[in-house]
Amino acid sequence: MHYILEIMPSLLDGLKMTLGVFGLTLIGAIPLGVVIALAMQSKLVVLRSITNMYITVMRGTPLLLQIVFVYYGLSLANIVTLPRFEAAVFTFILNYAAYFAEIFRGGFQSISQGQYDGARVLGFSKGKTLRYIVLPQVVKTVMPSVGNEVINLVKDSSLVYVIGLGDLMRAGNIAAARDVSLVPYLLVGALYLCLTVLLTYGMRYIEKRMNYYR
């Protein structure tokens, strides 16, 4: 117990970094995913082609490689030099926006054309139709899939170690290597498990609250 209390502050500092990457990624990736999903349904062939190419690249290459490319590659190419944290968050947003876009695209396609026609007859503009009629139903439909990606994001956040960010996993690695002990890894696993359990119950609560759309 004394050893656990000794290393816990460093693990909690790493947890703050993990939560920072997680929270900022969600804030940026979900709205961007909605925008990309709408662009995929655009009548403009060029816009659809660009978004499809973007999603293919983001989903077809490893997230770890994308992090390395954004942090090291852009700097070596003299395009832009991003700090570690900003590079990690930027990469995670781009990556997860592609997955959320596919999820929301399926949600938009589940809405029947009759609802759009009915909204038009009632005098709703396209913006109001999207905001008040389409999006609430889409969110209800895609919530389980979004929840799965949210859980994956918690675990994927450990990949930021590759550019030297002091996240939870890196803090555990340092403590384990220094003290030649598996206890830090057990604590790291317990903290990740607590996060995923809390998020799972949170997503289920949101799903139940949205049952009035049933």
N, C-alpha and C. Protein backbone atom coordinates (compact mmCIF):
# COMPACT_ATOMS: atom_id res chain seq x y z
N MET A 1 0.82 -1.21 0.00
CA MET A 1 0.00 0.00 0.00
C MET A 1 0.87 1.27 0.00
N HIS A 2 1.98 1.21 0.74
CA HIS A 2 2.87 2.38 0.76
C HIS A 2 3.42 2.66 -0.64
N TYR A 3 3.78 1.59 -1.37
CA TYR A 3 4.31 1.76 -2.72
C TYR A 3 3.24 2.32 -3.66
N ILE A 4 2.01 1.84 -3.52
CA ILE A 4 0.91 2.33 -4.35
C ILE A 4 0.69 3.82 -4.12
N LEU A 5 0.68 4.22 -2.85
CA LEU A 5 0.50 5.65 -2.54
C LEU A 5 1.67 6.48 -3.05
N GLU A 6 2.84 5.86 -3.14
CA GLU A 6 4.02 6.58 -3.59
C GLU A 6 3.98 6.88 -5.09
N ILE A 7 3.49 5.93 -5.89
CA ILE A 7 3.48 6.12 -7.34
C ILE A 7 2.16 6.68 -7.86
N MET A 8 1.14 6.69 -7.03
CA MET A 8 -0.17 7.13 -7.50
C MET A 8 -0.18 8.58 -7.99
N PRO A 9 0.52 9.54 -7.35
CA PRO A 9 0.51 10.91 -7.88
C PRO A 9 0.99 11.02 -9.32
N SER A 10 2.06 10.28 -9.68
CA SER A 10 2.55 10.34 -11.06
C SER A 10 1.54 9.72 -12.02
N LEU A 11 0.87 8.65 -11.58
CA LEU A 11 -0.15 8.03 -12.43
C LEU A 11 -1.33 8.97 -12.63
N LEU A 12 -1.72 9.68 -11.58
CA LEU A 12 -2.84 10.61 -11.70
C LEU A 12 -2.49 11.79 -12.59
N ASP A 13 -1.21 12.22 -12.55
CA ASP A 13 -0.78 13.27 -13.48
C ASP A 13 -0.89 12.77 -14.92
N GLY A 14 -0.49 11.53 -15.13
CA GLY A 14 -0.64 10.94 -16.47
C GLY A 14 -2.10 10.81 -16.87
N LEU A 15 -2.96 10.50 -15.89
CA LEU A 15 -4.39 10.39 -16.17
C LEU A 15 -4.97 11.73 -16.62
N LYS A 16 -4.47 12.82 -16.06
CA LYS A 16 -4.94 14.15 -16.49
C LYS A 16 -4.63 14.37 -17.96
N MET A 17 -3.43 13.97 -18.38
CA MET A 17 -3.07 14.11 -19.79
C MET A 17 -3.97 13.25 -20.66
N THR A 18 -4.22 12.02 -20.23
CA THR A 18 -5.10 11.11 -20.98
C THR A 18 -6.49 11.71 -21.13
N LEU A 19 -7.03 12.24 -20.03
CA LEU A 19 -8.36 12.84 -20.07
C LEU A 19 -8.38 14.09 -20.94
N GLY A 20 -7.28 14.83 -20.96
CA GLY A 20 -7.21 16.01 -21.82
C GLY A 20 -7.28 15.64 -23.29
N VAL A 21 -6.50 14.64 -23.69
CA VAL A 21 -6.55 14.18 -25.08
C VAL A 21 -7.93 13.63 -25.42
N PHE A 22 -8.48 12.85 -24.50
CA PHE A 22 -9.80 12.24 -24.70
C PHE A 22 -10.88 13.31 -24.87
N GLY A 23 -10.94 14.25 -23.94
CA GLY A 23 -12.00 15.26 -23.97
C GLY A 23 -11.92 16.16 -25.19
N LEU A 24 -10.73 16.66 -25.51
CA LEU A 24 -10.59 17.55 -26.66
C LEU A 24 -10.86 16.83 -27.97
N THR A 25 -10.51 15.55 -28.03
CA THR A 25 -10.80 14.77 -29.24
C THR A 25 -12.30 14.65 -29.46
N LEU A 26 -13.04 14.35 -28.40
CA LEU A 26 -14.49 14.24 -28.54
C LEU A 26 -15.10 15.58 -28.96
N ILE A 27 -14.65 16.67 -28.34
CA ILE A 27 -15.19 17.99 -28.64
C ILE A 27 -14.97 18.34 -30.11
N GLY A 28 -13.82 17.95 -30.65
CA GLY A 28 -13.52 18.28 -32.03
C GLY A 28 -14.00 17.26 -33.05
N ALA A 29 -13.93 15.97 -32.70
CA ALA A 29 -14.18 14.93 -33.69
C ALA A 29 -15.66 14.72 -33.98
N ILE A 30 -16.52 14.82 -32.97
CA ILE A 30 -17.94 14.56 -33.20
C ILE A 30 -18.58 15.60 -34.12
N PRO A 31 -18.42 16.92 -33.84
CA PRO A 31 -18.98 17.89 -34.79
C PRO A 31 -18.37 17.78 -36.19
N LEU A 32 -17.05 17.55 -36.24
CA LEU A 32 -16.41 17.41 -37.55
C LEU A 32 -16.94 16.18 -38.27
N GLY A 33 -17.19 15.11 -37.54
CA GLY A 33 -17.75 13.91 -38.14
C GLY A 33 -19.13 14.16 -38.73
N VAL A 34 -19.96 14.96 -38.05
CA VAL A 34 -21.28 15.29 -38.58
C VAL A 34 -21.15 16.08 -39.88
N VAL A 35 -20.24 17.06 -39.88
CA VAL A 35 -20.03 17.88 -41.08
C VAL A 35 -19.56 17.02 -42.25
N ILE A 36 -18.62 16.11 -41.99
CA ILE A 36 -18.11 15.24 -43.05
C ILE A 36 -19.20 14.31 -43.55
N ALA A 37 -20.03 13.80 -42.63
CA ALA A 37 -21.13 12.93 -43.03
C ALA A 37 -22.10 13.65 -43.95
N LEU A 38 -22.38 14.92 -43.65
CA LEU A 38 -23.25 15.71 -44.53
C LEU A 38 -22.58 15.96 -45.88
N ALA A 39 -21.26 16.19 -45.85
CA ALA A 39 -20.54 16.43 -47.11
C ALA A 39 -20.55 15.18 -47.99
N MET A 40 -20.56 14.00 -47.36
CA MET A 40 -20.58 12.75 -48.12
C MET A 40 -21.89 12.57 -48.87
N GLN A 41 -22.93 13.27 -48.44
CA GLN A 41 -24.22 13.17 -49.11
C GLN A 41 -24.48 14.35 -50.04
N SER A 42 -23.46 15.18 -50.22
CA SER A 42 -23.60 16.35 -51.07
C SER A 42 -23.81 15.95 -52.53
N LYS A 43 -24.45 16.82 -53.28
CA LYS A 43 -24.64 16.58 -54.71
C LYS A 43 -23.39 16.92 -55.51
N LEU A 44 -22.42 17.58 -54.86
CA LEU A 44 -21.17 17.93 -55.53
C LEU A 44 -20.25 16.72 -55.55
N VAL A 45 -19.93 16.25 -56.74
CA VAL A 45 -19.10 15.06 -56.90
C VAL A 45 -17.70 15.29 -56.32
N VAL A 46 -17.16 16.48 -56.52
CA VAL A 46 -15.81 16.78 -56.03
C VAL A 46 -15.77 16.70 -54.51
N LEU A 47 -16.77 17.27 -53.87
CA LEU A 47 -16.81 17.26 -52.41
C LEU A 47 -16.94 15.84 -51.87
N ARG A 48 -17.79 15.05 -52.51
CA ARG A 48 -17.94 13.65 -52.09
C ARG A 48 -16.64 12.87 -52.29
N SER A 49 -15.95 13.15 -53.37
CA SER A 49 -14.69 12.44 -53.64
C SER A 49 -13.63 12.80 -52.61
N ILE A 50 -13.55 14.07 -52.25
CA ILE A 50 -12.56 14.50 -51.26
C ILE A 50 -12.83 13.86 -49.91
N THR A 51 -14.09 13.88 -49.47
CA THR A 51 -14.42 13.29 -48.17
C THR A 51 -14.20 11.79 -48.15
N ASN A 52 -14.54 11.12 -49.26
CA ASN A 52 -14.32 9.68 -49.33
C ASN A 52 -12.83 9.33 -49.29
N MET A 53 -12.02 10.14 -49.97
CA MET A 53 -10.58 9.93 -49.93
C MET A 53 -10.03 10.14 -48.52
N TYR A 54 -10.51 11.18 -47.87
CA TYR A 54 -10.08 11.48 -46.50
C TYR A 54 -10.40 10.32 -45.56
N ILE A 55 -11.61 9.81 -45.65
CA ILE A 55 -12.02 8.71 -44.78
C ILE A 55 -11.22 7.45 -45.09
N THR A 56 -10.95 7.21 -46.35
CA THR A 56 -10.17 6.04 -46.73
C THR A 56 -8.77 6.10 -46.14
N VAL A 57 -8.14 7.26 -46.20
CA VAL A 57 -6.79 7.41 -45.67
C VAL A 57 -6.79 7.29 -44.15
N MET A 58 -7.72 7.95 -43.48
CA MET A 58 -7.75 7.94 -42.01
C MET A 58 -8.05 6.56 -41.45
N ARG A 59 -8.95 5.84 -42.11
CA ARG A 59 -9.32 4.51 -41.62
C ARG A 59 -8.39 3.42 -42.12
N GLY A 60 -7.66 3.70 -43.19
CA GLY A 60 -6.82 2.68 -43.80
C GLY A 60 -5.38 2.68 -43.33
N THR A 61 -4.99 3.67 -42.51
CA THR A 61 -3.63 3.72 -41.99
C THR A 61 -3.66 3.70 -40.46
N PRO A 62 -2.64 3.13 -39.82
CA PRO A 62 -2.64 3.04 -38.35
C PRO A 62 -2.60 4.42 -37.69
N LEU A 63 -3.32 4.55 -36.60
CA LEU A 63 -3.33 5.80 -35.85
C LEU A 63 -1.93 6.14 -35.35
N LEU A 64 -1.18 5.14 -34.94
CA LEU A 64 0.19 5.37 -34.47
C LEU A 64 1.04 6.02 -35.56
N LEU A 65 0.91 5.54 -36.78
CA LEU A 65 1.65 6.11 -37.91
C LEU A 65 1.21 7.55 -38.17
N GLN A 66 -0.08 7.83 -38.03
CA GLN A 66 -0.58 9.18 -38.24
C GLN A 66 -0.02 10.15 -37.22
N ILE A 67 0.07 9.71 -35.97
CA ILE A 67 0.64 10.57 -34.91
C ILE A 67 2.09 10.90 -35.23
N VAL A 68 2.85 9.89 -35.62
CA VAL A 68 4.27 10.10 -35.95
C VAL A 68 4.39 11.03 -37.16
N PHE A 69 3.54 10.85 -38.15
CA PHE A 69 3.61 11.68 -39.34
C PHE A 69 3.31 13.14 -39.02
N VAL A 70 2.25 13.39 -38.24
CA VAL A 70 1.87 14.77 -37.93
C VAL A 70 2.95 15.46 -37.09
N TYR A 71 3.48 14.74 -36.10
CA TYR A 71 4.45 15.39 -35.20
C TYR A 71 5.83 15.52 -35.83
N TYR A 72 6.32 14.42 -36.42
CA TYR A 72 7.67 14.44 -37.00
C TYR A 72 7.67 14.80 -38.47
N GLY A 73 6.74 14.23 -39.23
CA GLY A 73 6.74 14.41 -40.67
C GLY A 73 6.50 15.85 -41.11
N LEU A 74 5.50 16.50 -40.53
CA LEU A 74 5.20 17.88 -40.91
C LEU A 74 6.36 18.81 -40.58
N SER A 75 7.04 18.53 -39.48
CA SER A 75 8.19 19.34 -39.10
C SER A 75 9.36 19.13 -40.06
N LEU A 76 9.64 17.87 -40.39
CA LEU A 76 10.74 17.57 -41.31
C LEU A 76 10.49 18.13 -42.70
N ALA A 77 9.21 18.21 -43.08
CA ALA A 77 8.85 18.75 -44.39
C ALA A 77 8.76 20.27 -44.38
N ASN A 78 9.07 20.88 -43.24
CA ASN A 78 9.03 22.35 -43.08
C ASN A 78 7.65 22.93 -43.38
N ILE A 79 6.61 22.14 -43.04
CA ILE A 79 5.24 22.63 -43.22
C ILE A 79 4.79 23.36 -41.97
N VAL A 80 4.83 22.69 -40.84
CA VAL A 80 4.48 23.30 -39.56
C VAL A 80 5.07 22.44 -38.45
N THR A 81 5.45 23.07 -37.36
CA THR A 81 5.96 22.34 -36.20
C THR A 81 4.98 22.50 -35.06
N LEU A 82 4.33 21.41 -34.70
CA LEU A 82 3.33 21.44 -33.65
C LEU A 82 3.91 20.91 -32.34
N PRO A 83 3.54 21.51 -31.21
CA PRO A 83 3.93 20.92 -29.92
C PRO A 83 3.33 19.53 -29.77
N ARG A 84 3.89 18.75 -28.86
CA ARG A 84 3.47 17.35 -28.71
C ARG A 84 1.97 17.22 -28.46
N PHE A 85 1.46 17.95 -27.49
CA PHE A 85 0.06 17.80 -27.11
C PHE A 85 -0.86 18.20 -28.25
N GLU A 86 -0.57 19.34 -28.87
CA GLU A 86 -1.40 19.81 -29.98
C GLU A 86 -1.36 18.84 -31.16
N ALA A 87 -0.17 18.27 -31.43
CA ALA A 87 -0.05 17.31 -32.52
C ALA A 87 -0.87 16.06 -32.25
N ALA A 88 -0.85 15.59 -31.00
CA ALA A 88 -1.61 14.40 -30.64
C ALA A 88 -3.11 14.65 -30.77
N VAL A 89 -3.58 15.76 -30.23
CA VAL A 89 -5.01 16.07 -30.27
C VAL A 89 -5.47 16.27 -31.72
N PHE A 90 -4.68 16.98 -32.49
CA PHE A 90 -5.02 17.22 -33.91
C PHE A 90 -5.16 15.91 -34.66
N THR A 91 -4.21 15.00 -34.43
CA THR A 91 -4.25 13.71 -35.12
C THR A 91 -5.45 12.89 -34.68
N PHE A 92 -5.72 12.86 -33.39
CA PHE A 92 -6.85 12.09 -32.89
C PHE A 92 -8.17 12.64 -33.44
N ILE A 93 -8.29 13.95 -33.52
CA ILE A 93 -9.52 14.54 -34.05
C ILE A 93 -9.72 14.13 -35.51
N LEU A 94 -8.66 14.24 -36.31
CA LEU A 94 -8.77 13.86 -37.72
C LEU A 94 -9.11 12.38 -37.87
N ASN A 95 -8.50 11.53 -37.06
CA ASN A 95 -8.72 10.10 -37.17
C ASN A 95 -10.14 9.73 -36.74
N TYR A 96 -10.54 10.18 -35.58
CA TYR A 96 -11.85 9.78 -35.07
C TYR A 96 -13.00 10.47 -35.79
N ALA A 97 -12.75 11.63 -36.38
CA ALA A 97 -13.79 12.28 -37.18
C ALA A 97 -14.18 11.40 -38.36
N ALA A 98 -13.21 10.68 -38.93
CA ALA A 98 -13.50 9.78 -40.04
C ALA A 98 -14.42 8.65 -39.61
N TYR A 99 -14.15 8.08 -38.44
CA TYR A 99 -15.01 7.00 -37.94
C TYR A 99 -16.40 7.52 -37.56
N PHE A 100 -16.44 8.66 -36.91
CA PHE A 100 -17.74 9.24 -36.56
C PHE A 100 -18.53 9.62 -37.81
N ALA A 101 -17.82 10.06 -38.85
CA ALA A 101 -18.50 10.42 -40.10
C ALA A 101 -19.22 9.22 -40.70
N GLU A 102 -18.57 8.07 -40.70
CA GLU A 102 -19.21 6.86 -41.22
C GLU A 102 -20.41 6.46 -40.37
N ILE A 103 -20.28 6.63 -39.06
CA ILE A 103 -21.40 6.30 -38.17
C ILE A 103 -22.59 7.23 -38.43
N PHE A 104 -22.32 8.52 -38.52
CA PHE A 104 -23.41 9.48 -38.75
C PHE A 104 -23.98 9.35 -40.16
N ARG A 105 -23.14 8.97 -41.12
CA ARG A 105 -23.66 8.75 -42.48
C ARG A 105 -24.73 7.66 -42.47
N GLY A 106 -24.45 6.58 -41.74
CA GLY A 106 -25.46 5.52 -41.62
C GLY A 106 -26.72 6.02 -40.94
N GLY A 107 -26.54 6.89 -39.95
CA GLY A 107 -27.71 7.45 -39.26
C GLY A 107 -28.54 8.33 -40.18
N PHE A 108 -27.88 9.15 -40.98
CA PHE A 108 -28.62 10.01 -41.91
C PHE A 108 -29.36 9.18 -42.96
N GLN A 109 -28.74 8.10 -43.40
CA GLN A 109 -29.39 7.27 -44.42
C GLN A 109 -30.58 6.51 -43.86
N SER A 110 -30.66 6.39 -42.53
CA SER A 110 -31.79 5.69 -41.93
C SER A 110 -33.05 6.55 -41.86
N ILE A 111 -32.91 7.84 -42.10
CA ILE A 111 -34.06 8.75 -42.08
C ILE A 111 -34.77 8.69 -43.43
N SER A 112 -36.03 8.41 -43.42
CA SER A 112 -36.78 8.25 -44.67
C SER A 112 -36.99 9.59 -45.36
N GLN A 113 -37.10 9.54 -46.66
CA GLN A 113 -37.32 10.75 -47.44
C GLN A 113 -38.64 11.41 -47.08
N GLY A 114 -39.60 10.62 -46.60
CA GLY A 114 -40.91 11.18 -46.23
C GLY A 114 -40.80 12.23 -45.14
N GLN A 115 -39.85 12.08 -44.25
CA GLN A 115 -39.70 13.06 -43.18
C GLN A 115 -39.19 14.40 -43.72
N TYR A 116 -38.29 14.33 -44.69
CA TYR A 116 -37.83 15.56 -45.33
C TYR A 116 -38.98 16.24 -46.09
N ASP A 117 -39.76 15.42 -46.79
CA ASP A 117 -40.89 15.98 -47.54
C ASP A 117 -41.91 16.59 -46.60
N GLY A 118 -42.19 15.92 -45.49
CA GLY A 118 -43.14 16.45 -44.52
C GLY A 118 -42.67 17.75 -43.92
N ALA A 119 -41.38 17.84 -43.62
CA ALA A 119 -40.83 19.08 -43.07
C ALA A 119 -40.94 20.22 -44.08
N ARG A 120 -40.74 19.91 -45.35
CA ARG A 120 -40.84 20.93 -46.39
C ARG A 120 -42.28 21.43 -46.51
N VAL A 121 -43.24 20.52 -46.42
CA VAL A 121 -44.66 20.91 -46.48
C VAL A 121 -45.03 21.80 -45.30
N LEU A 122 -44.45 21.53 -44.13
CA LEU A 122 -44.73 22.34 -42.94
C LEU A 122 -44.00 23.67 -42.93
N GLY A 123 -43.17 23.91 -43.93
CA GLY A 123 -42.48 25.19 -44.03
C GLY A 123 -41.13 25.24 -43.34
N PHE A 124 -40.58 24.11 -42.98
CA PHE A 124 -39.26 24.09 -42.35
C PHE A 124 -38.18 24.34 -43.40
N SER A 125 -37.22 25.16 -43.02
CA SER A 125 -36.06 25.33 -43.89
C SER A 125 -35.16 24.10 -43.76
N LYS A 126 -34.15 24.00 -44.63
CA LYS A 126 -33.24 22.85 -44.57
C LYS A 126 -32.49 22.82 -43.23
N GLY A 127 -32.10 24.01 -42.76
CA GLY A 127 -31.40 24.08 -41.48
C GLY A 127 -32.26 23.63 -40.32
N LYS A 128 -33.50 24.08 -40.28
CA LYS A 128 -34.40 23.69 -39.19
C LYS A 128 -34.78 22.23 -39.29
N THR A 129 -34.93 21.74 -40.51
CA THR A 129 -35.23 20.31 -40.69
C THR A 129 -34.10 19.46 -40.12
N LEU A 130 -32.87 19.87 -40.41
CA LEU A 130 -31.71 19.13 -39.92
C LEU A 130 -31.62 19.22 -38.39
N ARG A 131 -31.85 20.40 -37.86
CA ARG A 131 -31.67 20.62 -36.42
C ARG A 131 -32.76 19.99 -35.58
N TYR A 132 -34.02 20.16 -35.98
CA TYR A 132 -35.14 19.78 -35.13
C TYR A 132 -35.73 18.40 -35.45
N ILE A 133 -35.53 17.93 -36.66
CA ILE A 133 -36.16 16.67 -37.06
C ILE A 133 -35.15 15.56 -37.31
N VAL A 134 -34.12 15.86 -38.09
CA VAL A 134 -33.19 14.81 -38.52
C VAL A 134 -32.16 14.48 -37.45
N LEU A 135 -31.42 15.49 -36.98
CA LEU A 135 -30.33 15.23 -36.05
C LEU A 135 -30.76 14.52 -34.77
N PRO A 136 -31.88 14.91 -34.12
CA PRO A 136 -32.28 14.17 -32.91
C PRO A 136 -32.49 12.68 -33.16
N GLN A 137 -33.08 12.33 -34.29
CA GLN A 137 -33.29 10.91 -34.61
C GLN A 137 -31.97 10.21 -34.95
N VAL A 138 -31.10 10.92 -35.66
CA VAL A 138 -29.81 10.35 -36.02
C VAL A 138 -28.99 10.06 -34.77
N VAL A 139 -28.96 11.02 -33.85
CA VAL A 139 -28.20 10.84 -32.62
C VAL A 139 -28.71 9.64 -31.83
N LYS A 140 -30.02 9.51 -31.75
CA LYS A 140 -30.60 8.36 -31.05
C LYS A 140 -30.21 7.04 -31.72
N THR A 141 -30.19 7.04 -33.04
CA THR A 141 -29.89 5.81 -33.78
C THR A 141 -28.42 5.40 -33.63
N VAL A 142 -27.53 6.37 -33.68
CA VAL A 142 -26.10 6.06 -33.72
C VAL A 142 -25.45 6.00 -32.34
N MET A 143 -26.21 6.29 -31.29
CA MET A 143 -25.61 6.38 -29.96
C MET A 143 -24.83 5.12 -29.55
N PRO A 144 -25.35 3.90 -29.77
CA PRO A 144 -24.56 2.71 -29.40
C PRO A 144 -23.22 2.64 -30.13
N SER A 145 -23.21 2.97 -31.42
CA SER A 145 -21.96 2.94 -32.19
C SER A 145 -21.01 4.03 -31.74
N VAL A 146 -21.54 5.20 -31.45
CA VAL A 146 -20.71 6.29 -30.92
C VAL A 146 -20.10 5.88 -29.58
N GLY A 147 -20.90 5.22 -28.76
CA GLY A 147 -20.40 4.76 -27.47
C GLY A 147 -19.22 3.82 -27.61
N ASN A 148 -19.28 2.92 -28.59
CA ASN A 148 -18.16 2.01 -28.83
C ASN A 148 -16.90 2.77 -29.20
N GLU A 149 -17.02 3.78 -30.05
CA GLU A 149 -15.86 4.57 -30.45
C GLU A 149 -15.31 5.38 -29.28
N VAL A 150 -16.19 5.85 -28.41
CA VAL A 150 -15.75 6.59 -27.23
C VAL A 150 -14.90 5.70 -26.33
N ILE A 151 -15.34 4.46 -26.14
CA ILE A 151 -14.57 3.51 -25.33
C ILE A 151 -13.22 3.23 -25.99
N ASN A 152 -13.22 3.06 -27.31
CA ASN A 152 -11.96 2.82 -28.02
C ASN A 152 -11.01 4.01 -27.89
N LEU A 153 -11.58 5.20 -27.86
CA LEU A 153 -10.75 6.40 -27.76
C LEU A 153 -9.98 6.44 -26.44
N VAL A 154 -10.63 6.00 -25.37
CA VAL A 154 -9.95 5.97 -24.07
C VAL A 154 -8.69 5.11 -24.16
N LYS A 155 -8.82 3.95 -24.78
CA LYS A 155 -7.68 3.03 -24.87
C LYS A 155 -6.66 3.49 -25.91
N ASP A 156 -7.13 4.04 -27.01
CA ASP A 156 -6.20 4.52 -28.05
C ASP A 156 -5.37 5.70 -27.58
N SER A 157 -5.86 6.43 -26.59
CA SER A 157 -5.12 7.60 -26.10
C SER A 157 -3.74 7.21 -25.58
N SER A 158 -3.54 5.94 -25.25
CA SER A 158 -2.23 5.49 -24.77
C SER A 158 -1.17 5.58 -25.86
N LEU A 159 -1.57 5.72 -27.13
CA LEU A 159 -0.61 5.78 -28.23
C LEU A 159 0.20 7.07 -28.24
N VAL A 160 -0.20 8.06 -27.45
CA VAL A 160 0.54 9.33 -27.46
C VAL A 160 1.93 9.17 -26.86
N TYR A 161 2.21 8.02 -26.25
CA TYR A 161 3.54 7.80 -25.69
C TYR A 161 4.61 7.88 -26.77
N VAL A 162 4.24 7.60 -28.02
CA VAL A 162 5.22 7.52 -29.10
C VAL A 162 5.89 8.87 -29.36
N ILE A 163 5.24 9.96 -29.00
CA ILE A 163 5.86 11.28 -29.17
C ILE A 163 6.25 11.88 -27.82
N GLY A 164 6.29 11.04 -26.80
CA GLY A 164 6.84 11.47 -25.51
C GLY A 164 5.89 12.20 -24.59
N LEU A 165 4.59 12.12 -24.83
CA LEU A 165 3.64 12.76 -23.92
C LEU A 165 3.51 11.94 -22.65
N GLY A 166 3.42 12.62 -21.51
CA GLY A 166 3.35 11.93 -20.22
C GLY A 166 1.93 11.53 -19.87
N ASP A 167 1.38 10.60 -20.62
CA ASP A 167 0.02 10.14 -20.32
C ASP A 167 0.05 9.04 -19.27
N LEU A 168 -1.09 8.45 -19.01
CA LEU A 168 -1.20 7.43 -17.97
C LEU A 168 -0.32 6.22 -18.27
N MET A 169 -0.33 5.75 -19.52
CA MET A 169 0.46 4.58 -19.87
C MET A 169 1.95 4.84 -19.74
N ARG A 170 2.39 6.01 -20.16
CA ARG A 170 3.81 6.35 -20.05
C ARG A 170 4.24 6.43 -18.59
N ALA A 171 3.38 7.00 -17.75
CA ALA A 171 3.70 7.07 -16.32
C ALA A 171 3.85 5.67 -15.72
N GLY A 172 2.98 4.76 -16.15
CA GLY A 172 3.08 3.39 -15.68
C GLY A 172 4.34 2.71 -16.17
N ASN A 173 4.70 2.95 -17.43
CA ASN A 173 5.92 2.36 -17.98
C ASN A 173 7.16 2.83 -17.23
N ILE A 174 7.20 4.12 -16.93
CA ILE A 174 8.36 4.68 -16.22
C ILE A 174 8.48 4.07 -14.83
N ALA A 175 7.36 4.00 -14.11
CA ALA A 175 7.39 3.44 -12.76
C ALA A 175 7.76 1.96 -12.77
N ALA A 176 7.23 1.21 -13.73
CA ALA A 176 7.51 -0.23 -13.81
C ALA A 176 8.98 -0.49 -14.15
N ALA A 177 9.54 0.29 -15.09
CA ALA A 177 10.94 0.11 -15.46
C ALA A 177 11.88 0.53 -14.33
N ARG A 178 11.52 1.60 -13.63
CA ARG A 178 12.37 2.10 -12.55
C ARG A 178 12.39 1.15 -11.36
N ASP A 179 11.22 0.62 -11.01
CA ASP A 179 11.10 -0.19 -9.79
C ASP A 179 11.08 -1.69 -10.06
N VAL A 180 11.14 -2.08 -11.36
CA VAL A 180 11.10 -3.50 -11.75
C VAL A 180 9.91 -4.18 -11.04
N SER A 181 8.73 -3.66 -11.34
CA SER A 181 7.52 -4.15 -10.69
C SER A 181 6.36 -4.11 -11.67
N LEU A 182 5.43 -5.07 -11.50
CA LEU A 182 4.23 -5.09 -12.33
C LEU A 182 3.08 -4.30 -11.70
N VAL A 183 3.27 -3.85 -10.47
CA VAL A 183 2.21 -3.12 -9.77
C VAL A 183 1.76 -1.88 -10.54
N PRO A 184 2.69 -1.07 -11.10
CA PRO A 184 2.23 0.10 -11.87
C PRO A 184 1.33 -0.28 -13.04
N TYR A 185 1.64 -1.38 -13.72
CA TYR A 185 0.79 -1.80 -14.83
C TYR A 185 -0.60 -2.22 -14.33
N LEU A 186 -0.65 -2.87 -13.18
CA LEU A 186 -1.95 -3.25 -12.61
C LEU A 186 -2.77 -2.02 -12.27
N LEU A 187 -2.12 -1.01 -11.73
CA LEU A 187 -2.83 0.22 -11.39
C LEU A 187 -3.30 0.95 -12.65
N VAL A 188 -2.44 0.96 -13.66
CA VAL A 188 -2.83 1.58 -14.94
C VAL A 188 -4.04 0.87 -15.52
N GLY A 189 -4.02 -0.46 -15.51
CA GLY A 189 -5.15 -1.23 -16.01
C GLY A 189 -6.42 -0.95 -15.22
N ALA A 190 -6.27 -0.81 -13.89
CA ALA A 190 -7.44 -0.52 -13.06
C ALA A 190 -8.02 0.86 -13.38
N LEU A 191 -7.15 1.83 -13.61
CA LEU A 191 -7.63 3.19 -13.93
C LEU A 191 -8.33 3.22 -15.29
N TYR A 192 -7.74 2.53 -16.28
CA TYR A 192 -8.41 2.46 -17.59
C TYR A 192 -9.76 1.75 -17.47
N LEU A 193 -9.80 0.69 -16.68
CA LEU A 193 -11.05 -0.05 -16.49
C LEU A 193 -12.11 0.83 -15.84
N CYS A 194 -11.71 1.62 -14.85
CA CYS A 194 -12.66 2.53 -14.20
C CYS A 194 -13.21 3.54 -15.19
N LEU A 195 -12.33 4.07 -16.04
CA LEU A 195 -12.78 5.04 -17.04
C LEU A 195 -13.78 4.42 -18.00
N THR A 196 -13.47 3.23 -18.51
CA THR A 196 -14.36 2.60 -19.47
C THR A 196 -15.70 2.22 -18.84
N VAL A 197 -15.68 1.78 -17.58
CA VAL A 197 -16.93 1.44 -16.89
C VAL A 197 -17.78 2.68 -16.71
N LEU A 198 -17.18 3.78 -16.27
CA LEU A 198 -17.92 5.02 -16.08
C LEU A 198 -18.51 5.52 -17.40
N LEU A 199 -17.71 5.45 -18.45
CA LEU A 199 -18.21 5.90 -19.75
C LEU A 199 -19.31 5.00 -20.28
N THR A 200 -19.19 3.70 -20.03
CA THR A 200 -20.23 2.76 -20.47
C THR A 200 -21.56 3.07 -19.81
N TYR A 201 -21.53 3.27 -18.50
CA TYR A 201 -22.77 3.60 -17.79
C TYR A 201 -23.29 4.97 -18.21
N GLY A 202 -22.37 5.89 -18.48
CA GLY A 202 -22.80 7.21 -18.93
C GLY A 202 -23.50 7.15 -20.28
N MET A 203 -22.95 6.38 -21.21
CA MET A 203 -23.57 6.26 -22.53
C MET A 203 -24.92 5.55 -22.43
N ARG A 204 -25.02 4.54 -21.57
CA ARG A 204 -26.30 3.85 -21.39
C ARG A 204 -27.35 4.78 -20.80
N TYR A 205 -26.92 5.63 -19.89
CA TYR A 205 -27.85 6.60 -19.30
C TYR A 205 -28.37 7.56 -20.36
N ILE A 206 -27.47 8.02 -21.24
CA ILE A 206 -27.88 8.92 -22.31
C ILE A 206 -28.86 8.22 -23.25
N GLU A 207 -28.60 6.95 -23.56
CA GLU A 207 -29.50 6.19 -24.43
C GLU A 207 -30.89 6.08 -23.82
N LYS A 208 -30.95 5.82 -22.51
CA LYS A 208 -32.25 5.71 -21.85
C LYS A 208 -32.99 7.04 -21.85
N ARG A 209 -32.25 8.13 -21.66
CA ARG A 209 -32.88 9.45 -21.65
C ARG A 209 -33.43 9.82 -23.02
N MET A 210 -32.87 9.22 -24.07
CA MET A 210 -33.31 9.53 -25.42
C MET A 210 -34.39 8.59 -25.92
N ASN A 211 -34.90 7.74 -25.06
CA ASN A 211 -35.92 6.76 -25.46
C ASN A 211 -37.24 7.41 -25.83
N TYR A 212 -37.40 8.70 -25.53
CA TYR A 212 -38.68 9.34 -25.87
C TYR A 212 -38.82 9.51 -27.38
N TYR A 213 -37.73 9.25 -28.14
CA TYR A 213 -37.84 9.28 -29.60
C TYR A 213 -38.37 7.96 -30.15
N ARG A 214 -38.52 6.98 -29.28
CA ARG A 214 -38.96 5.67 -29.74
C ARG A 214 -40.42 5.72 -30.21
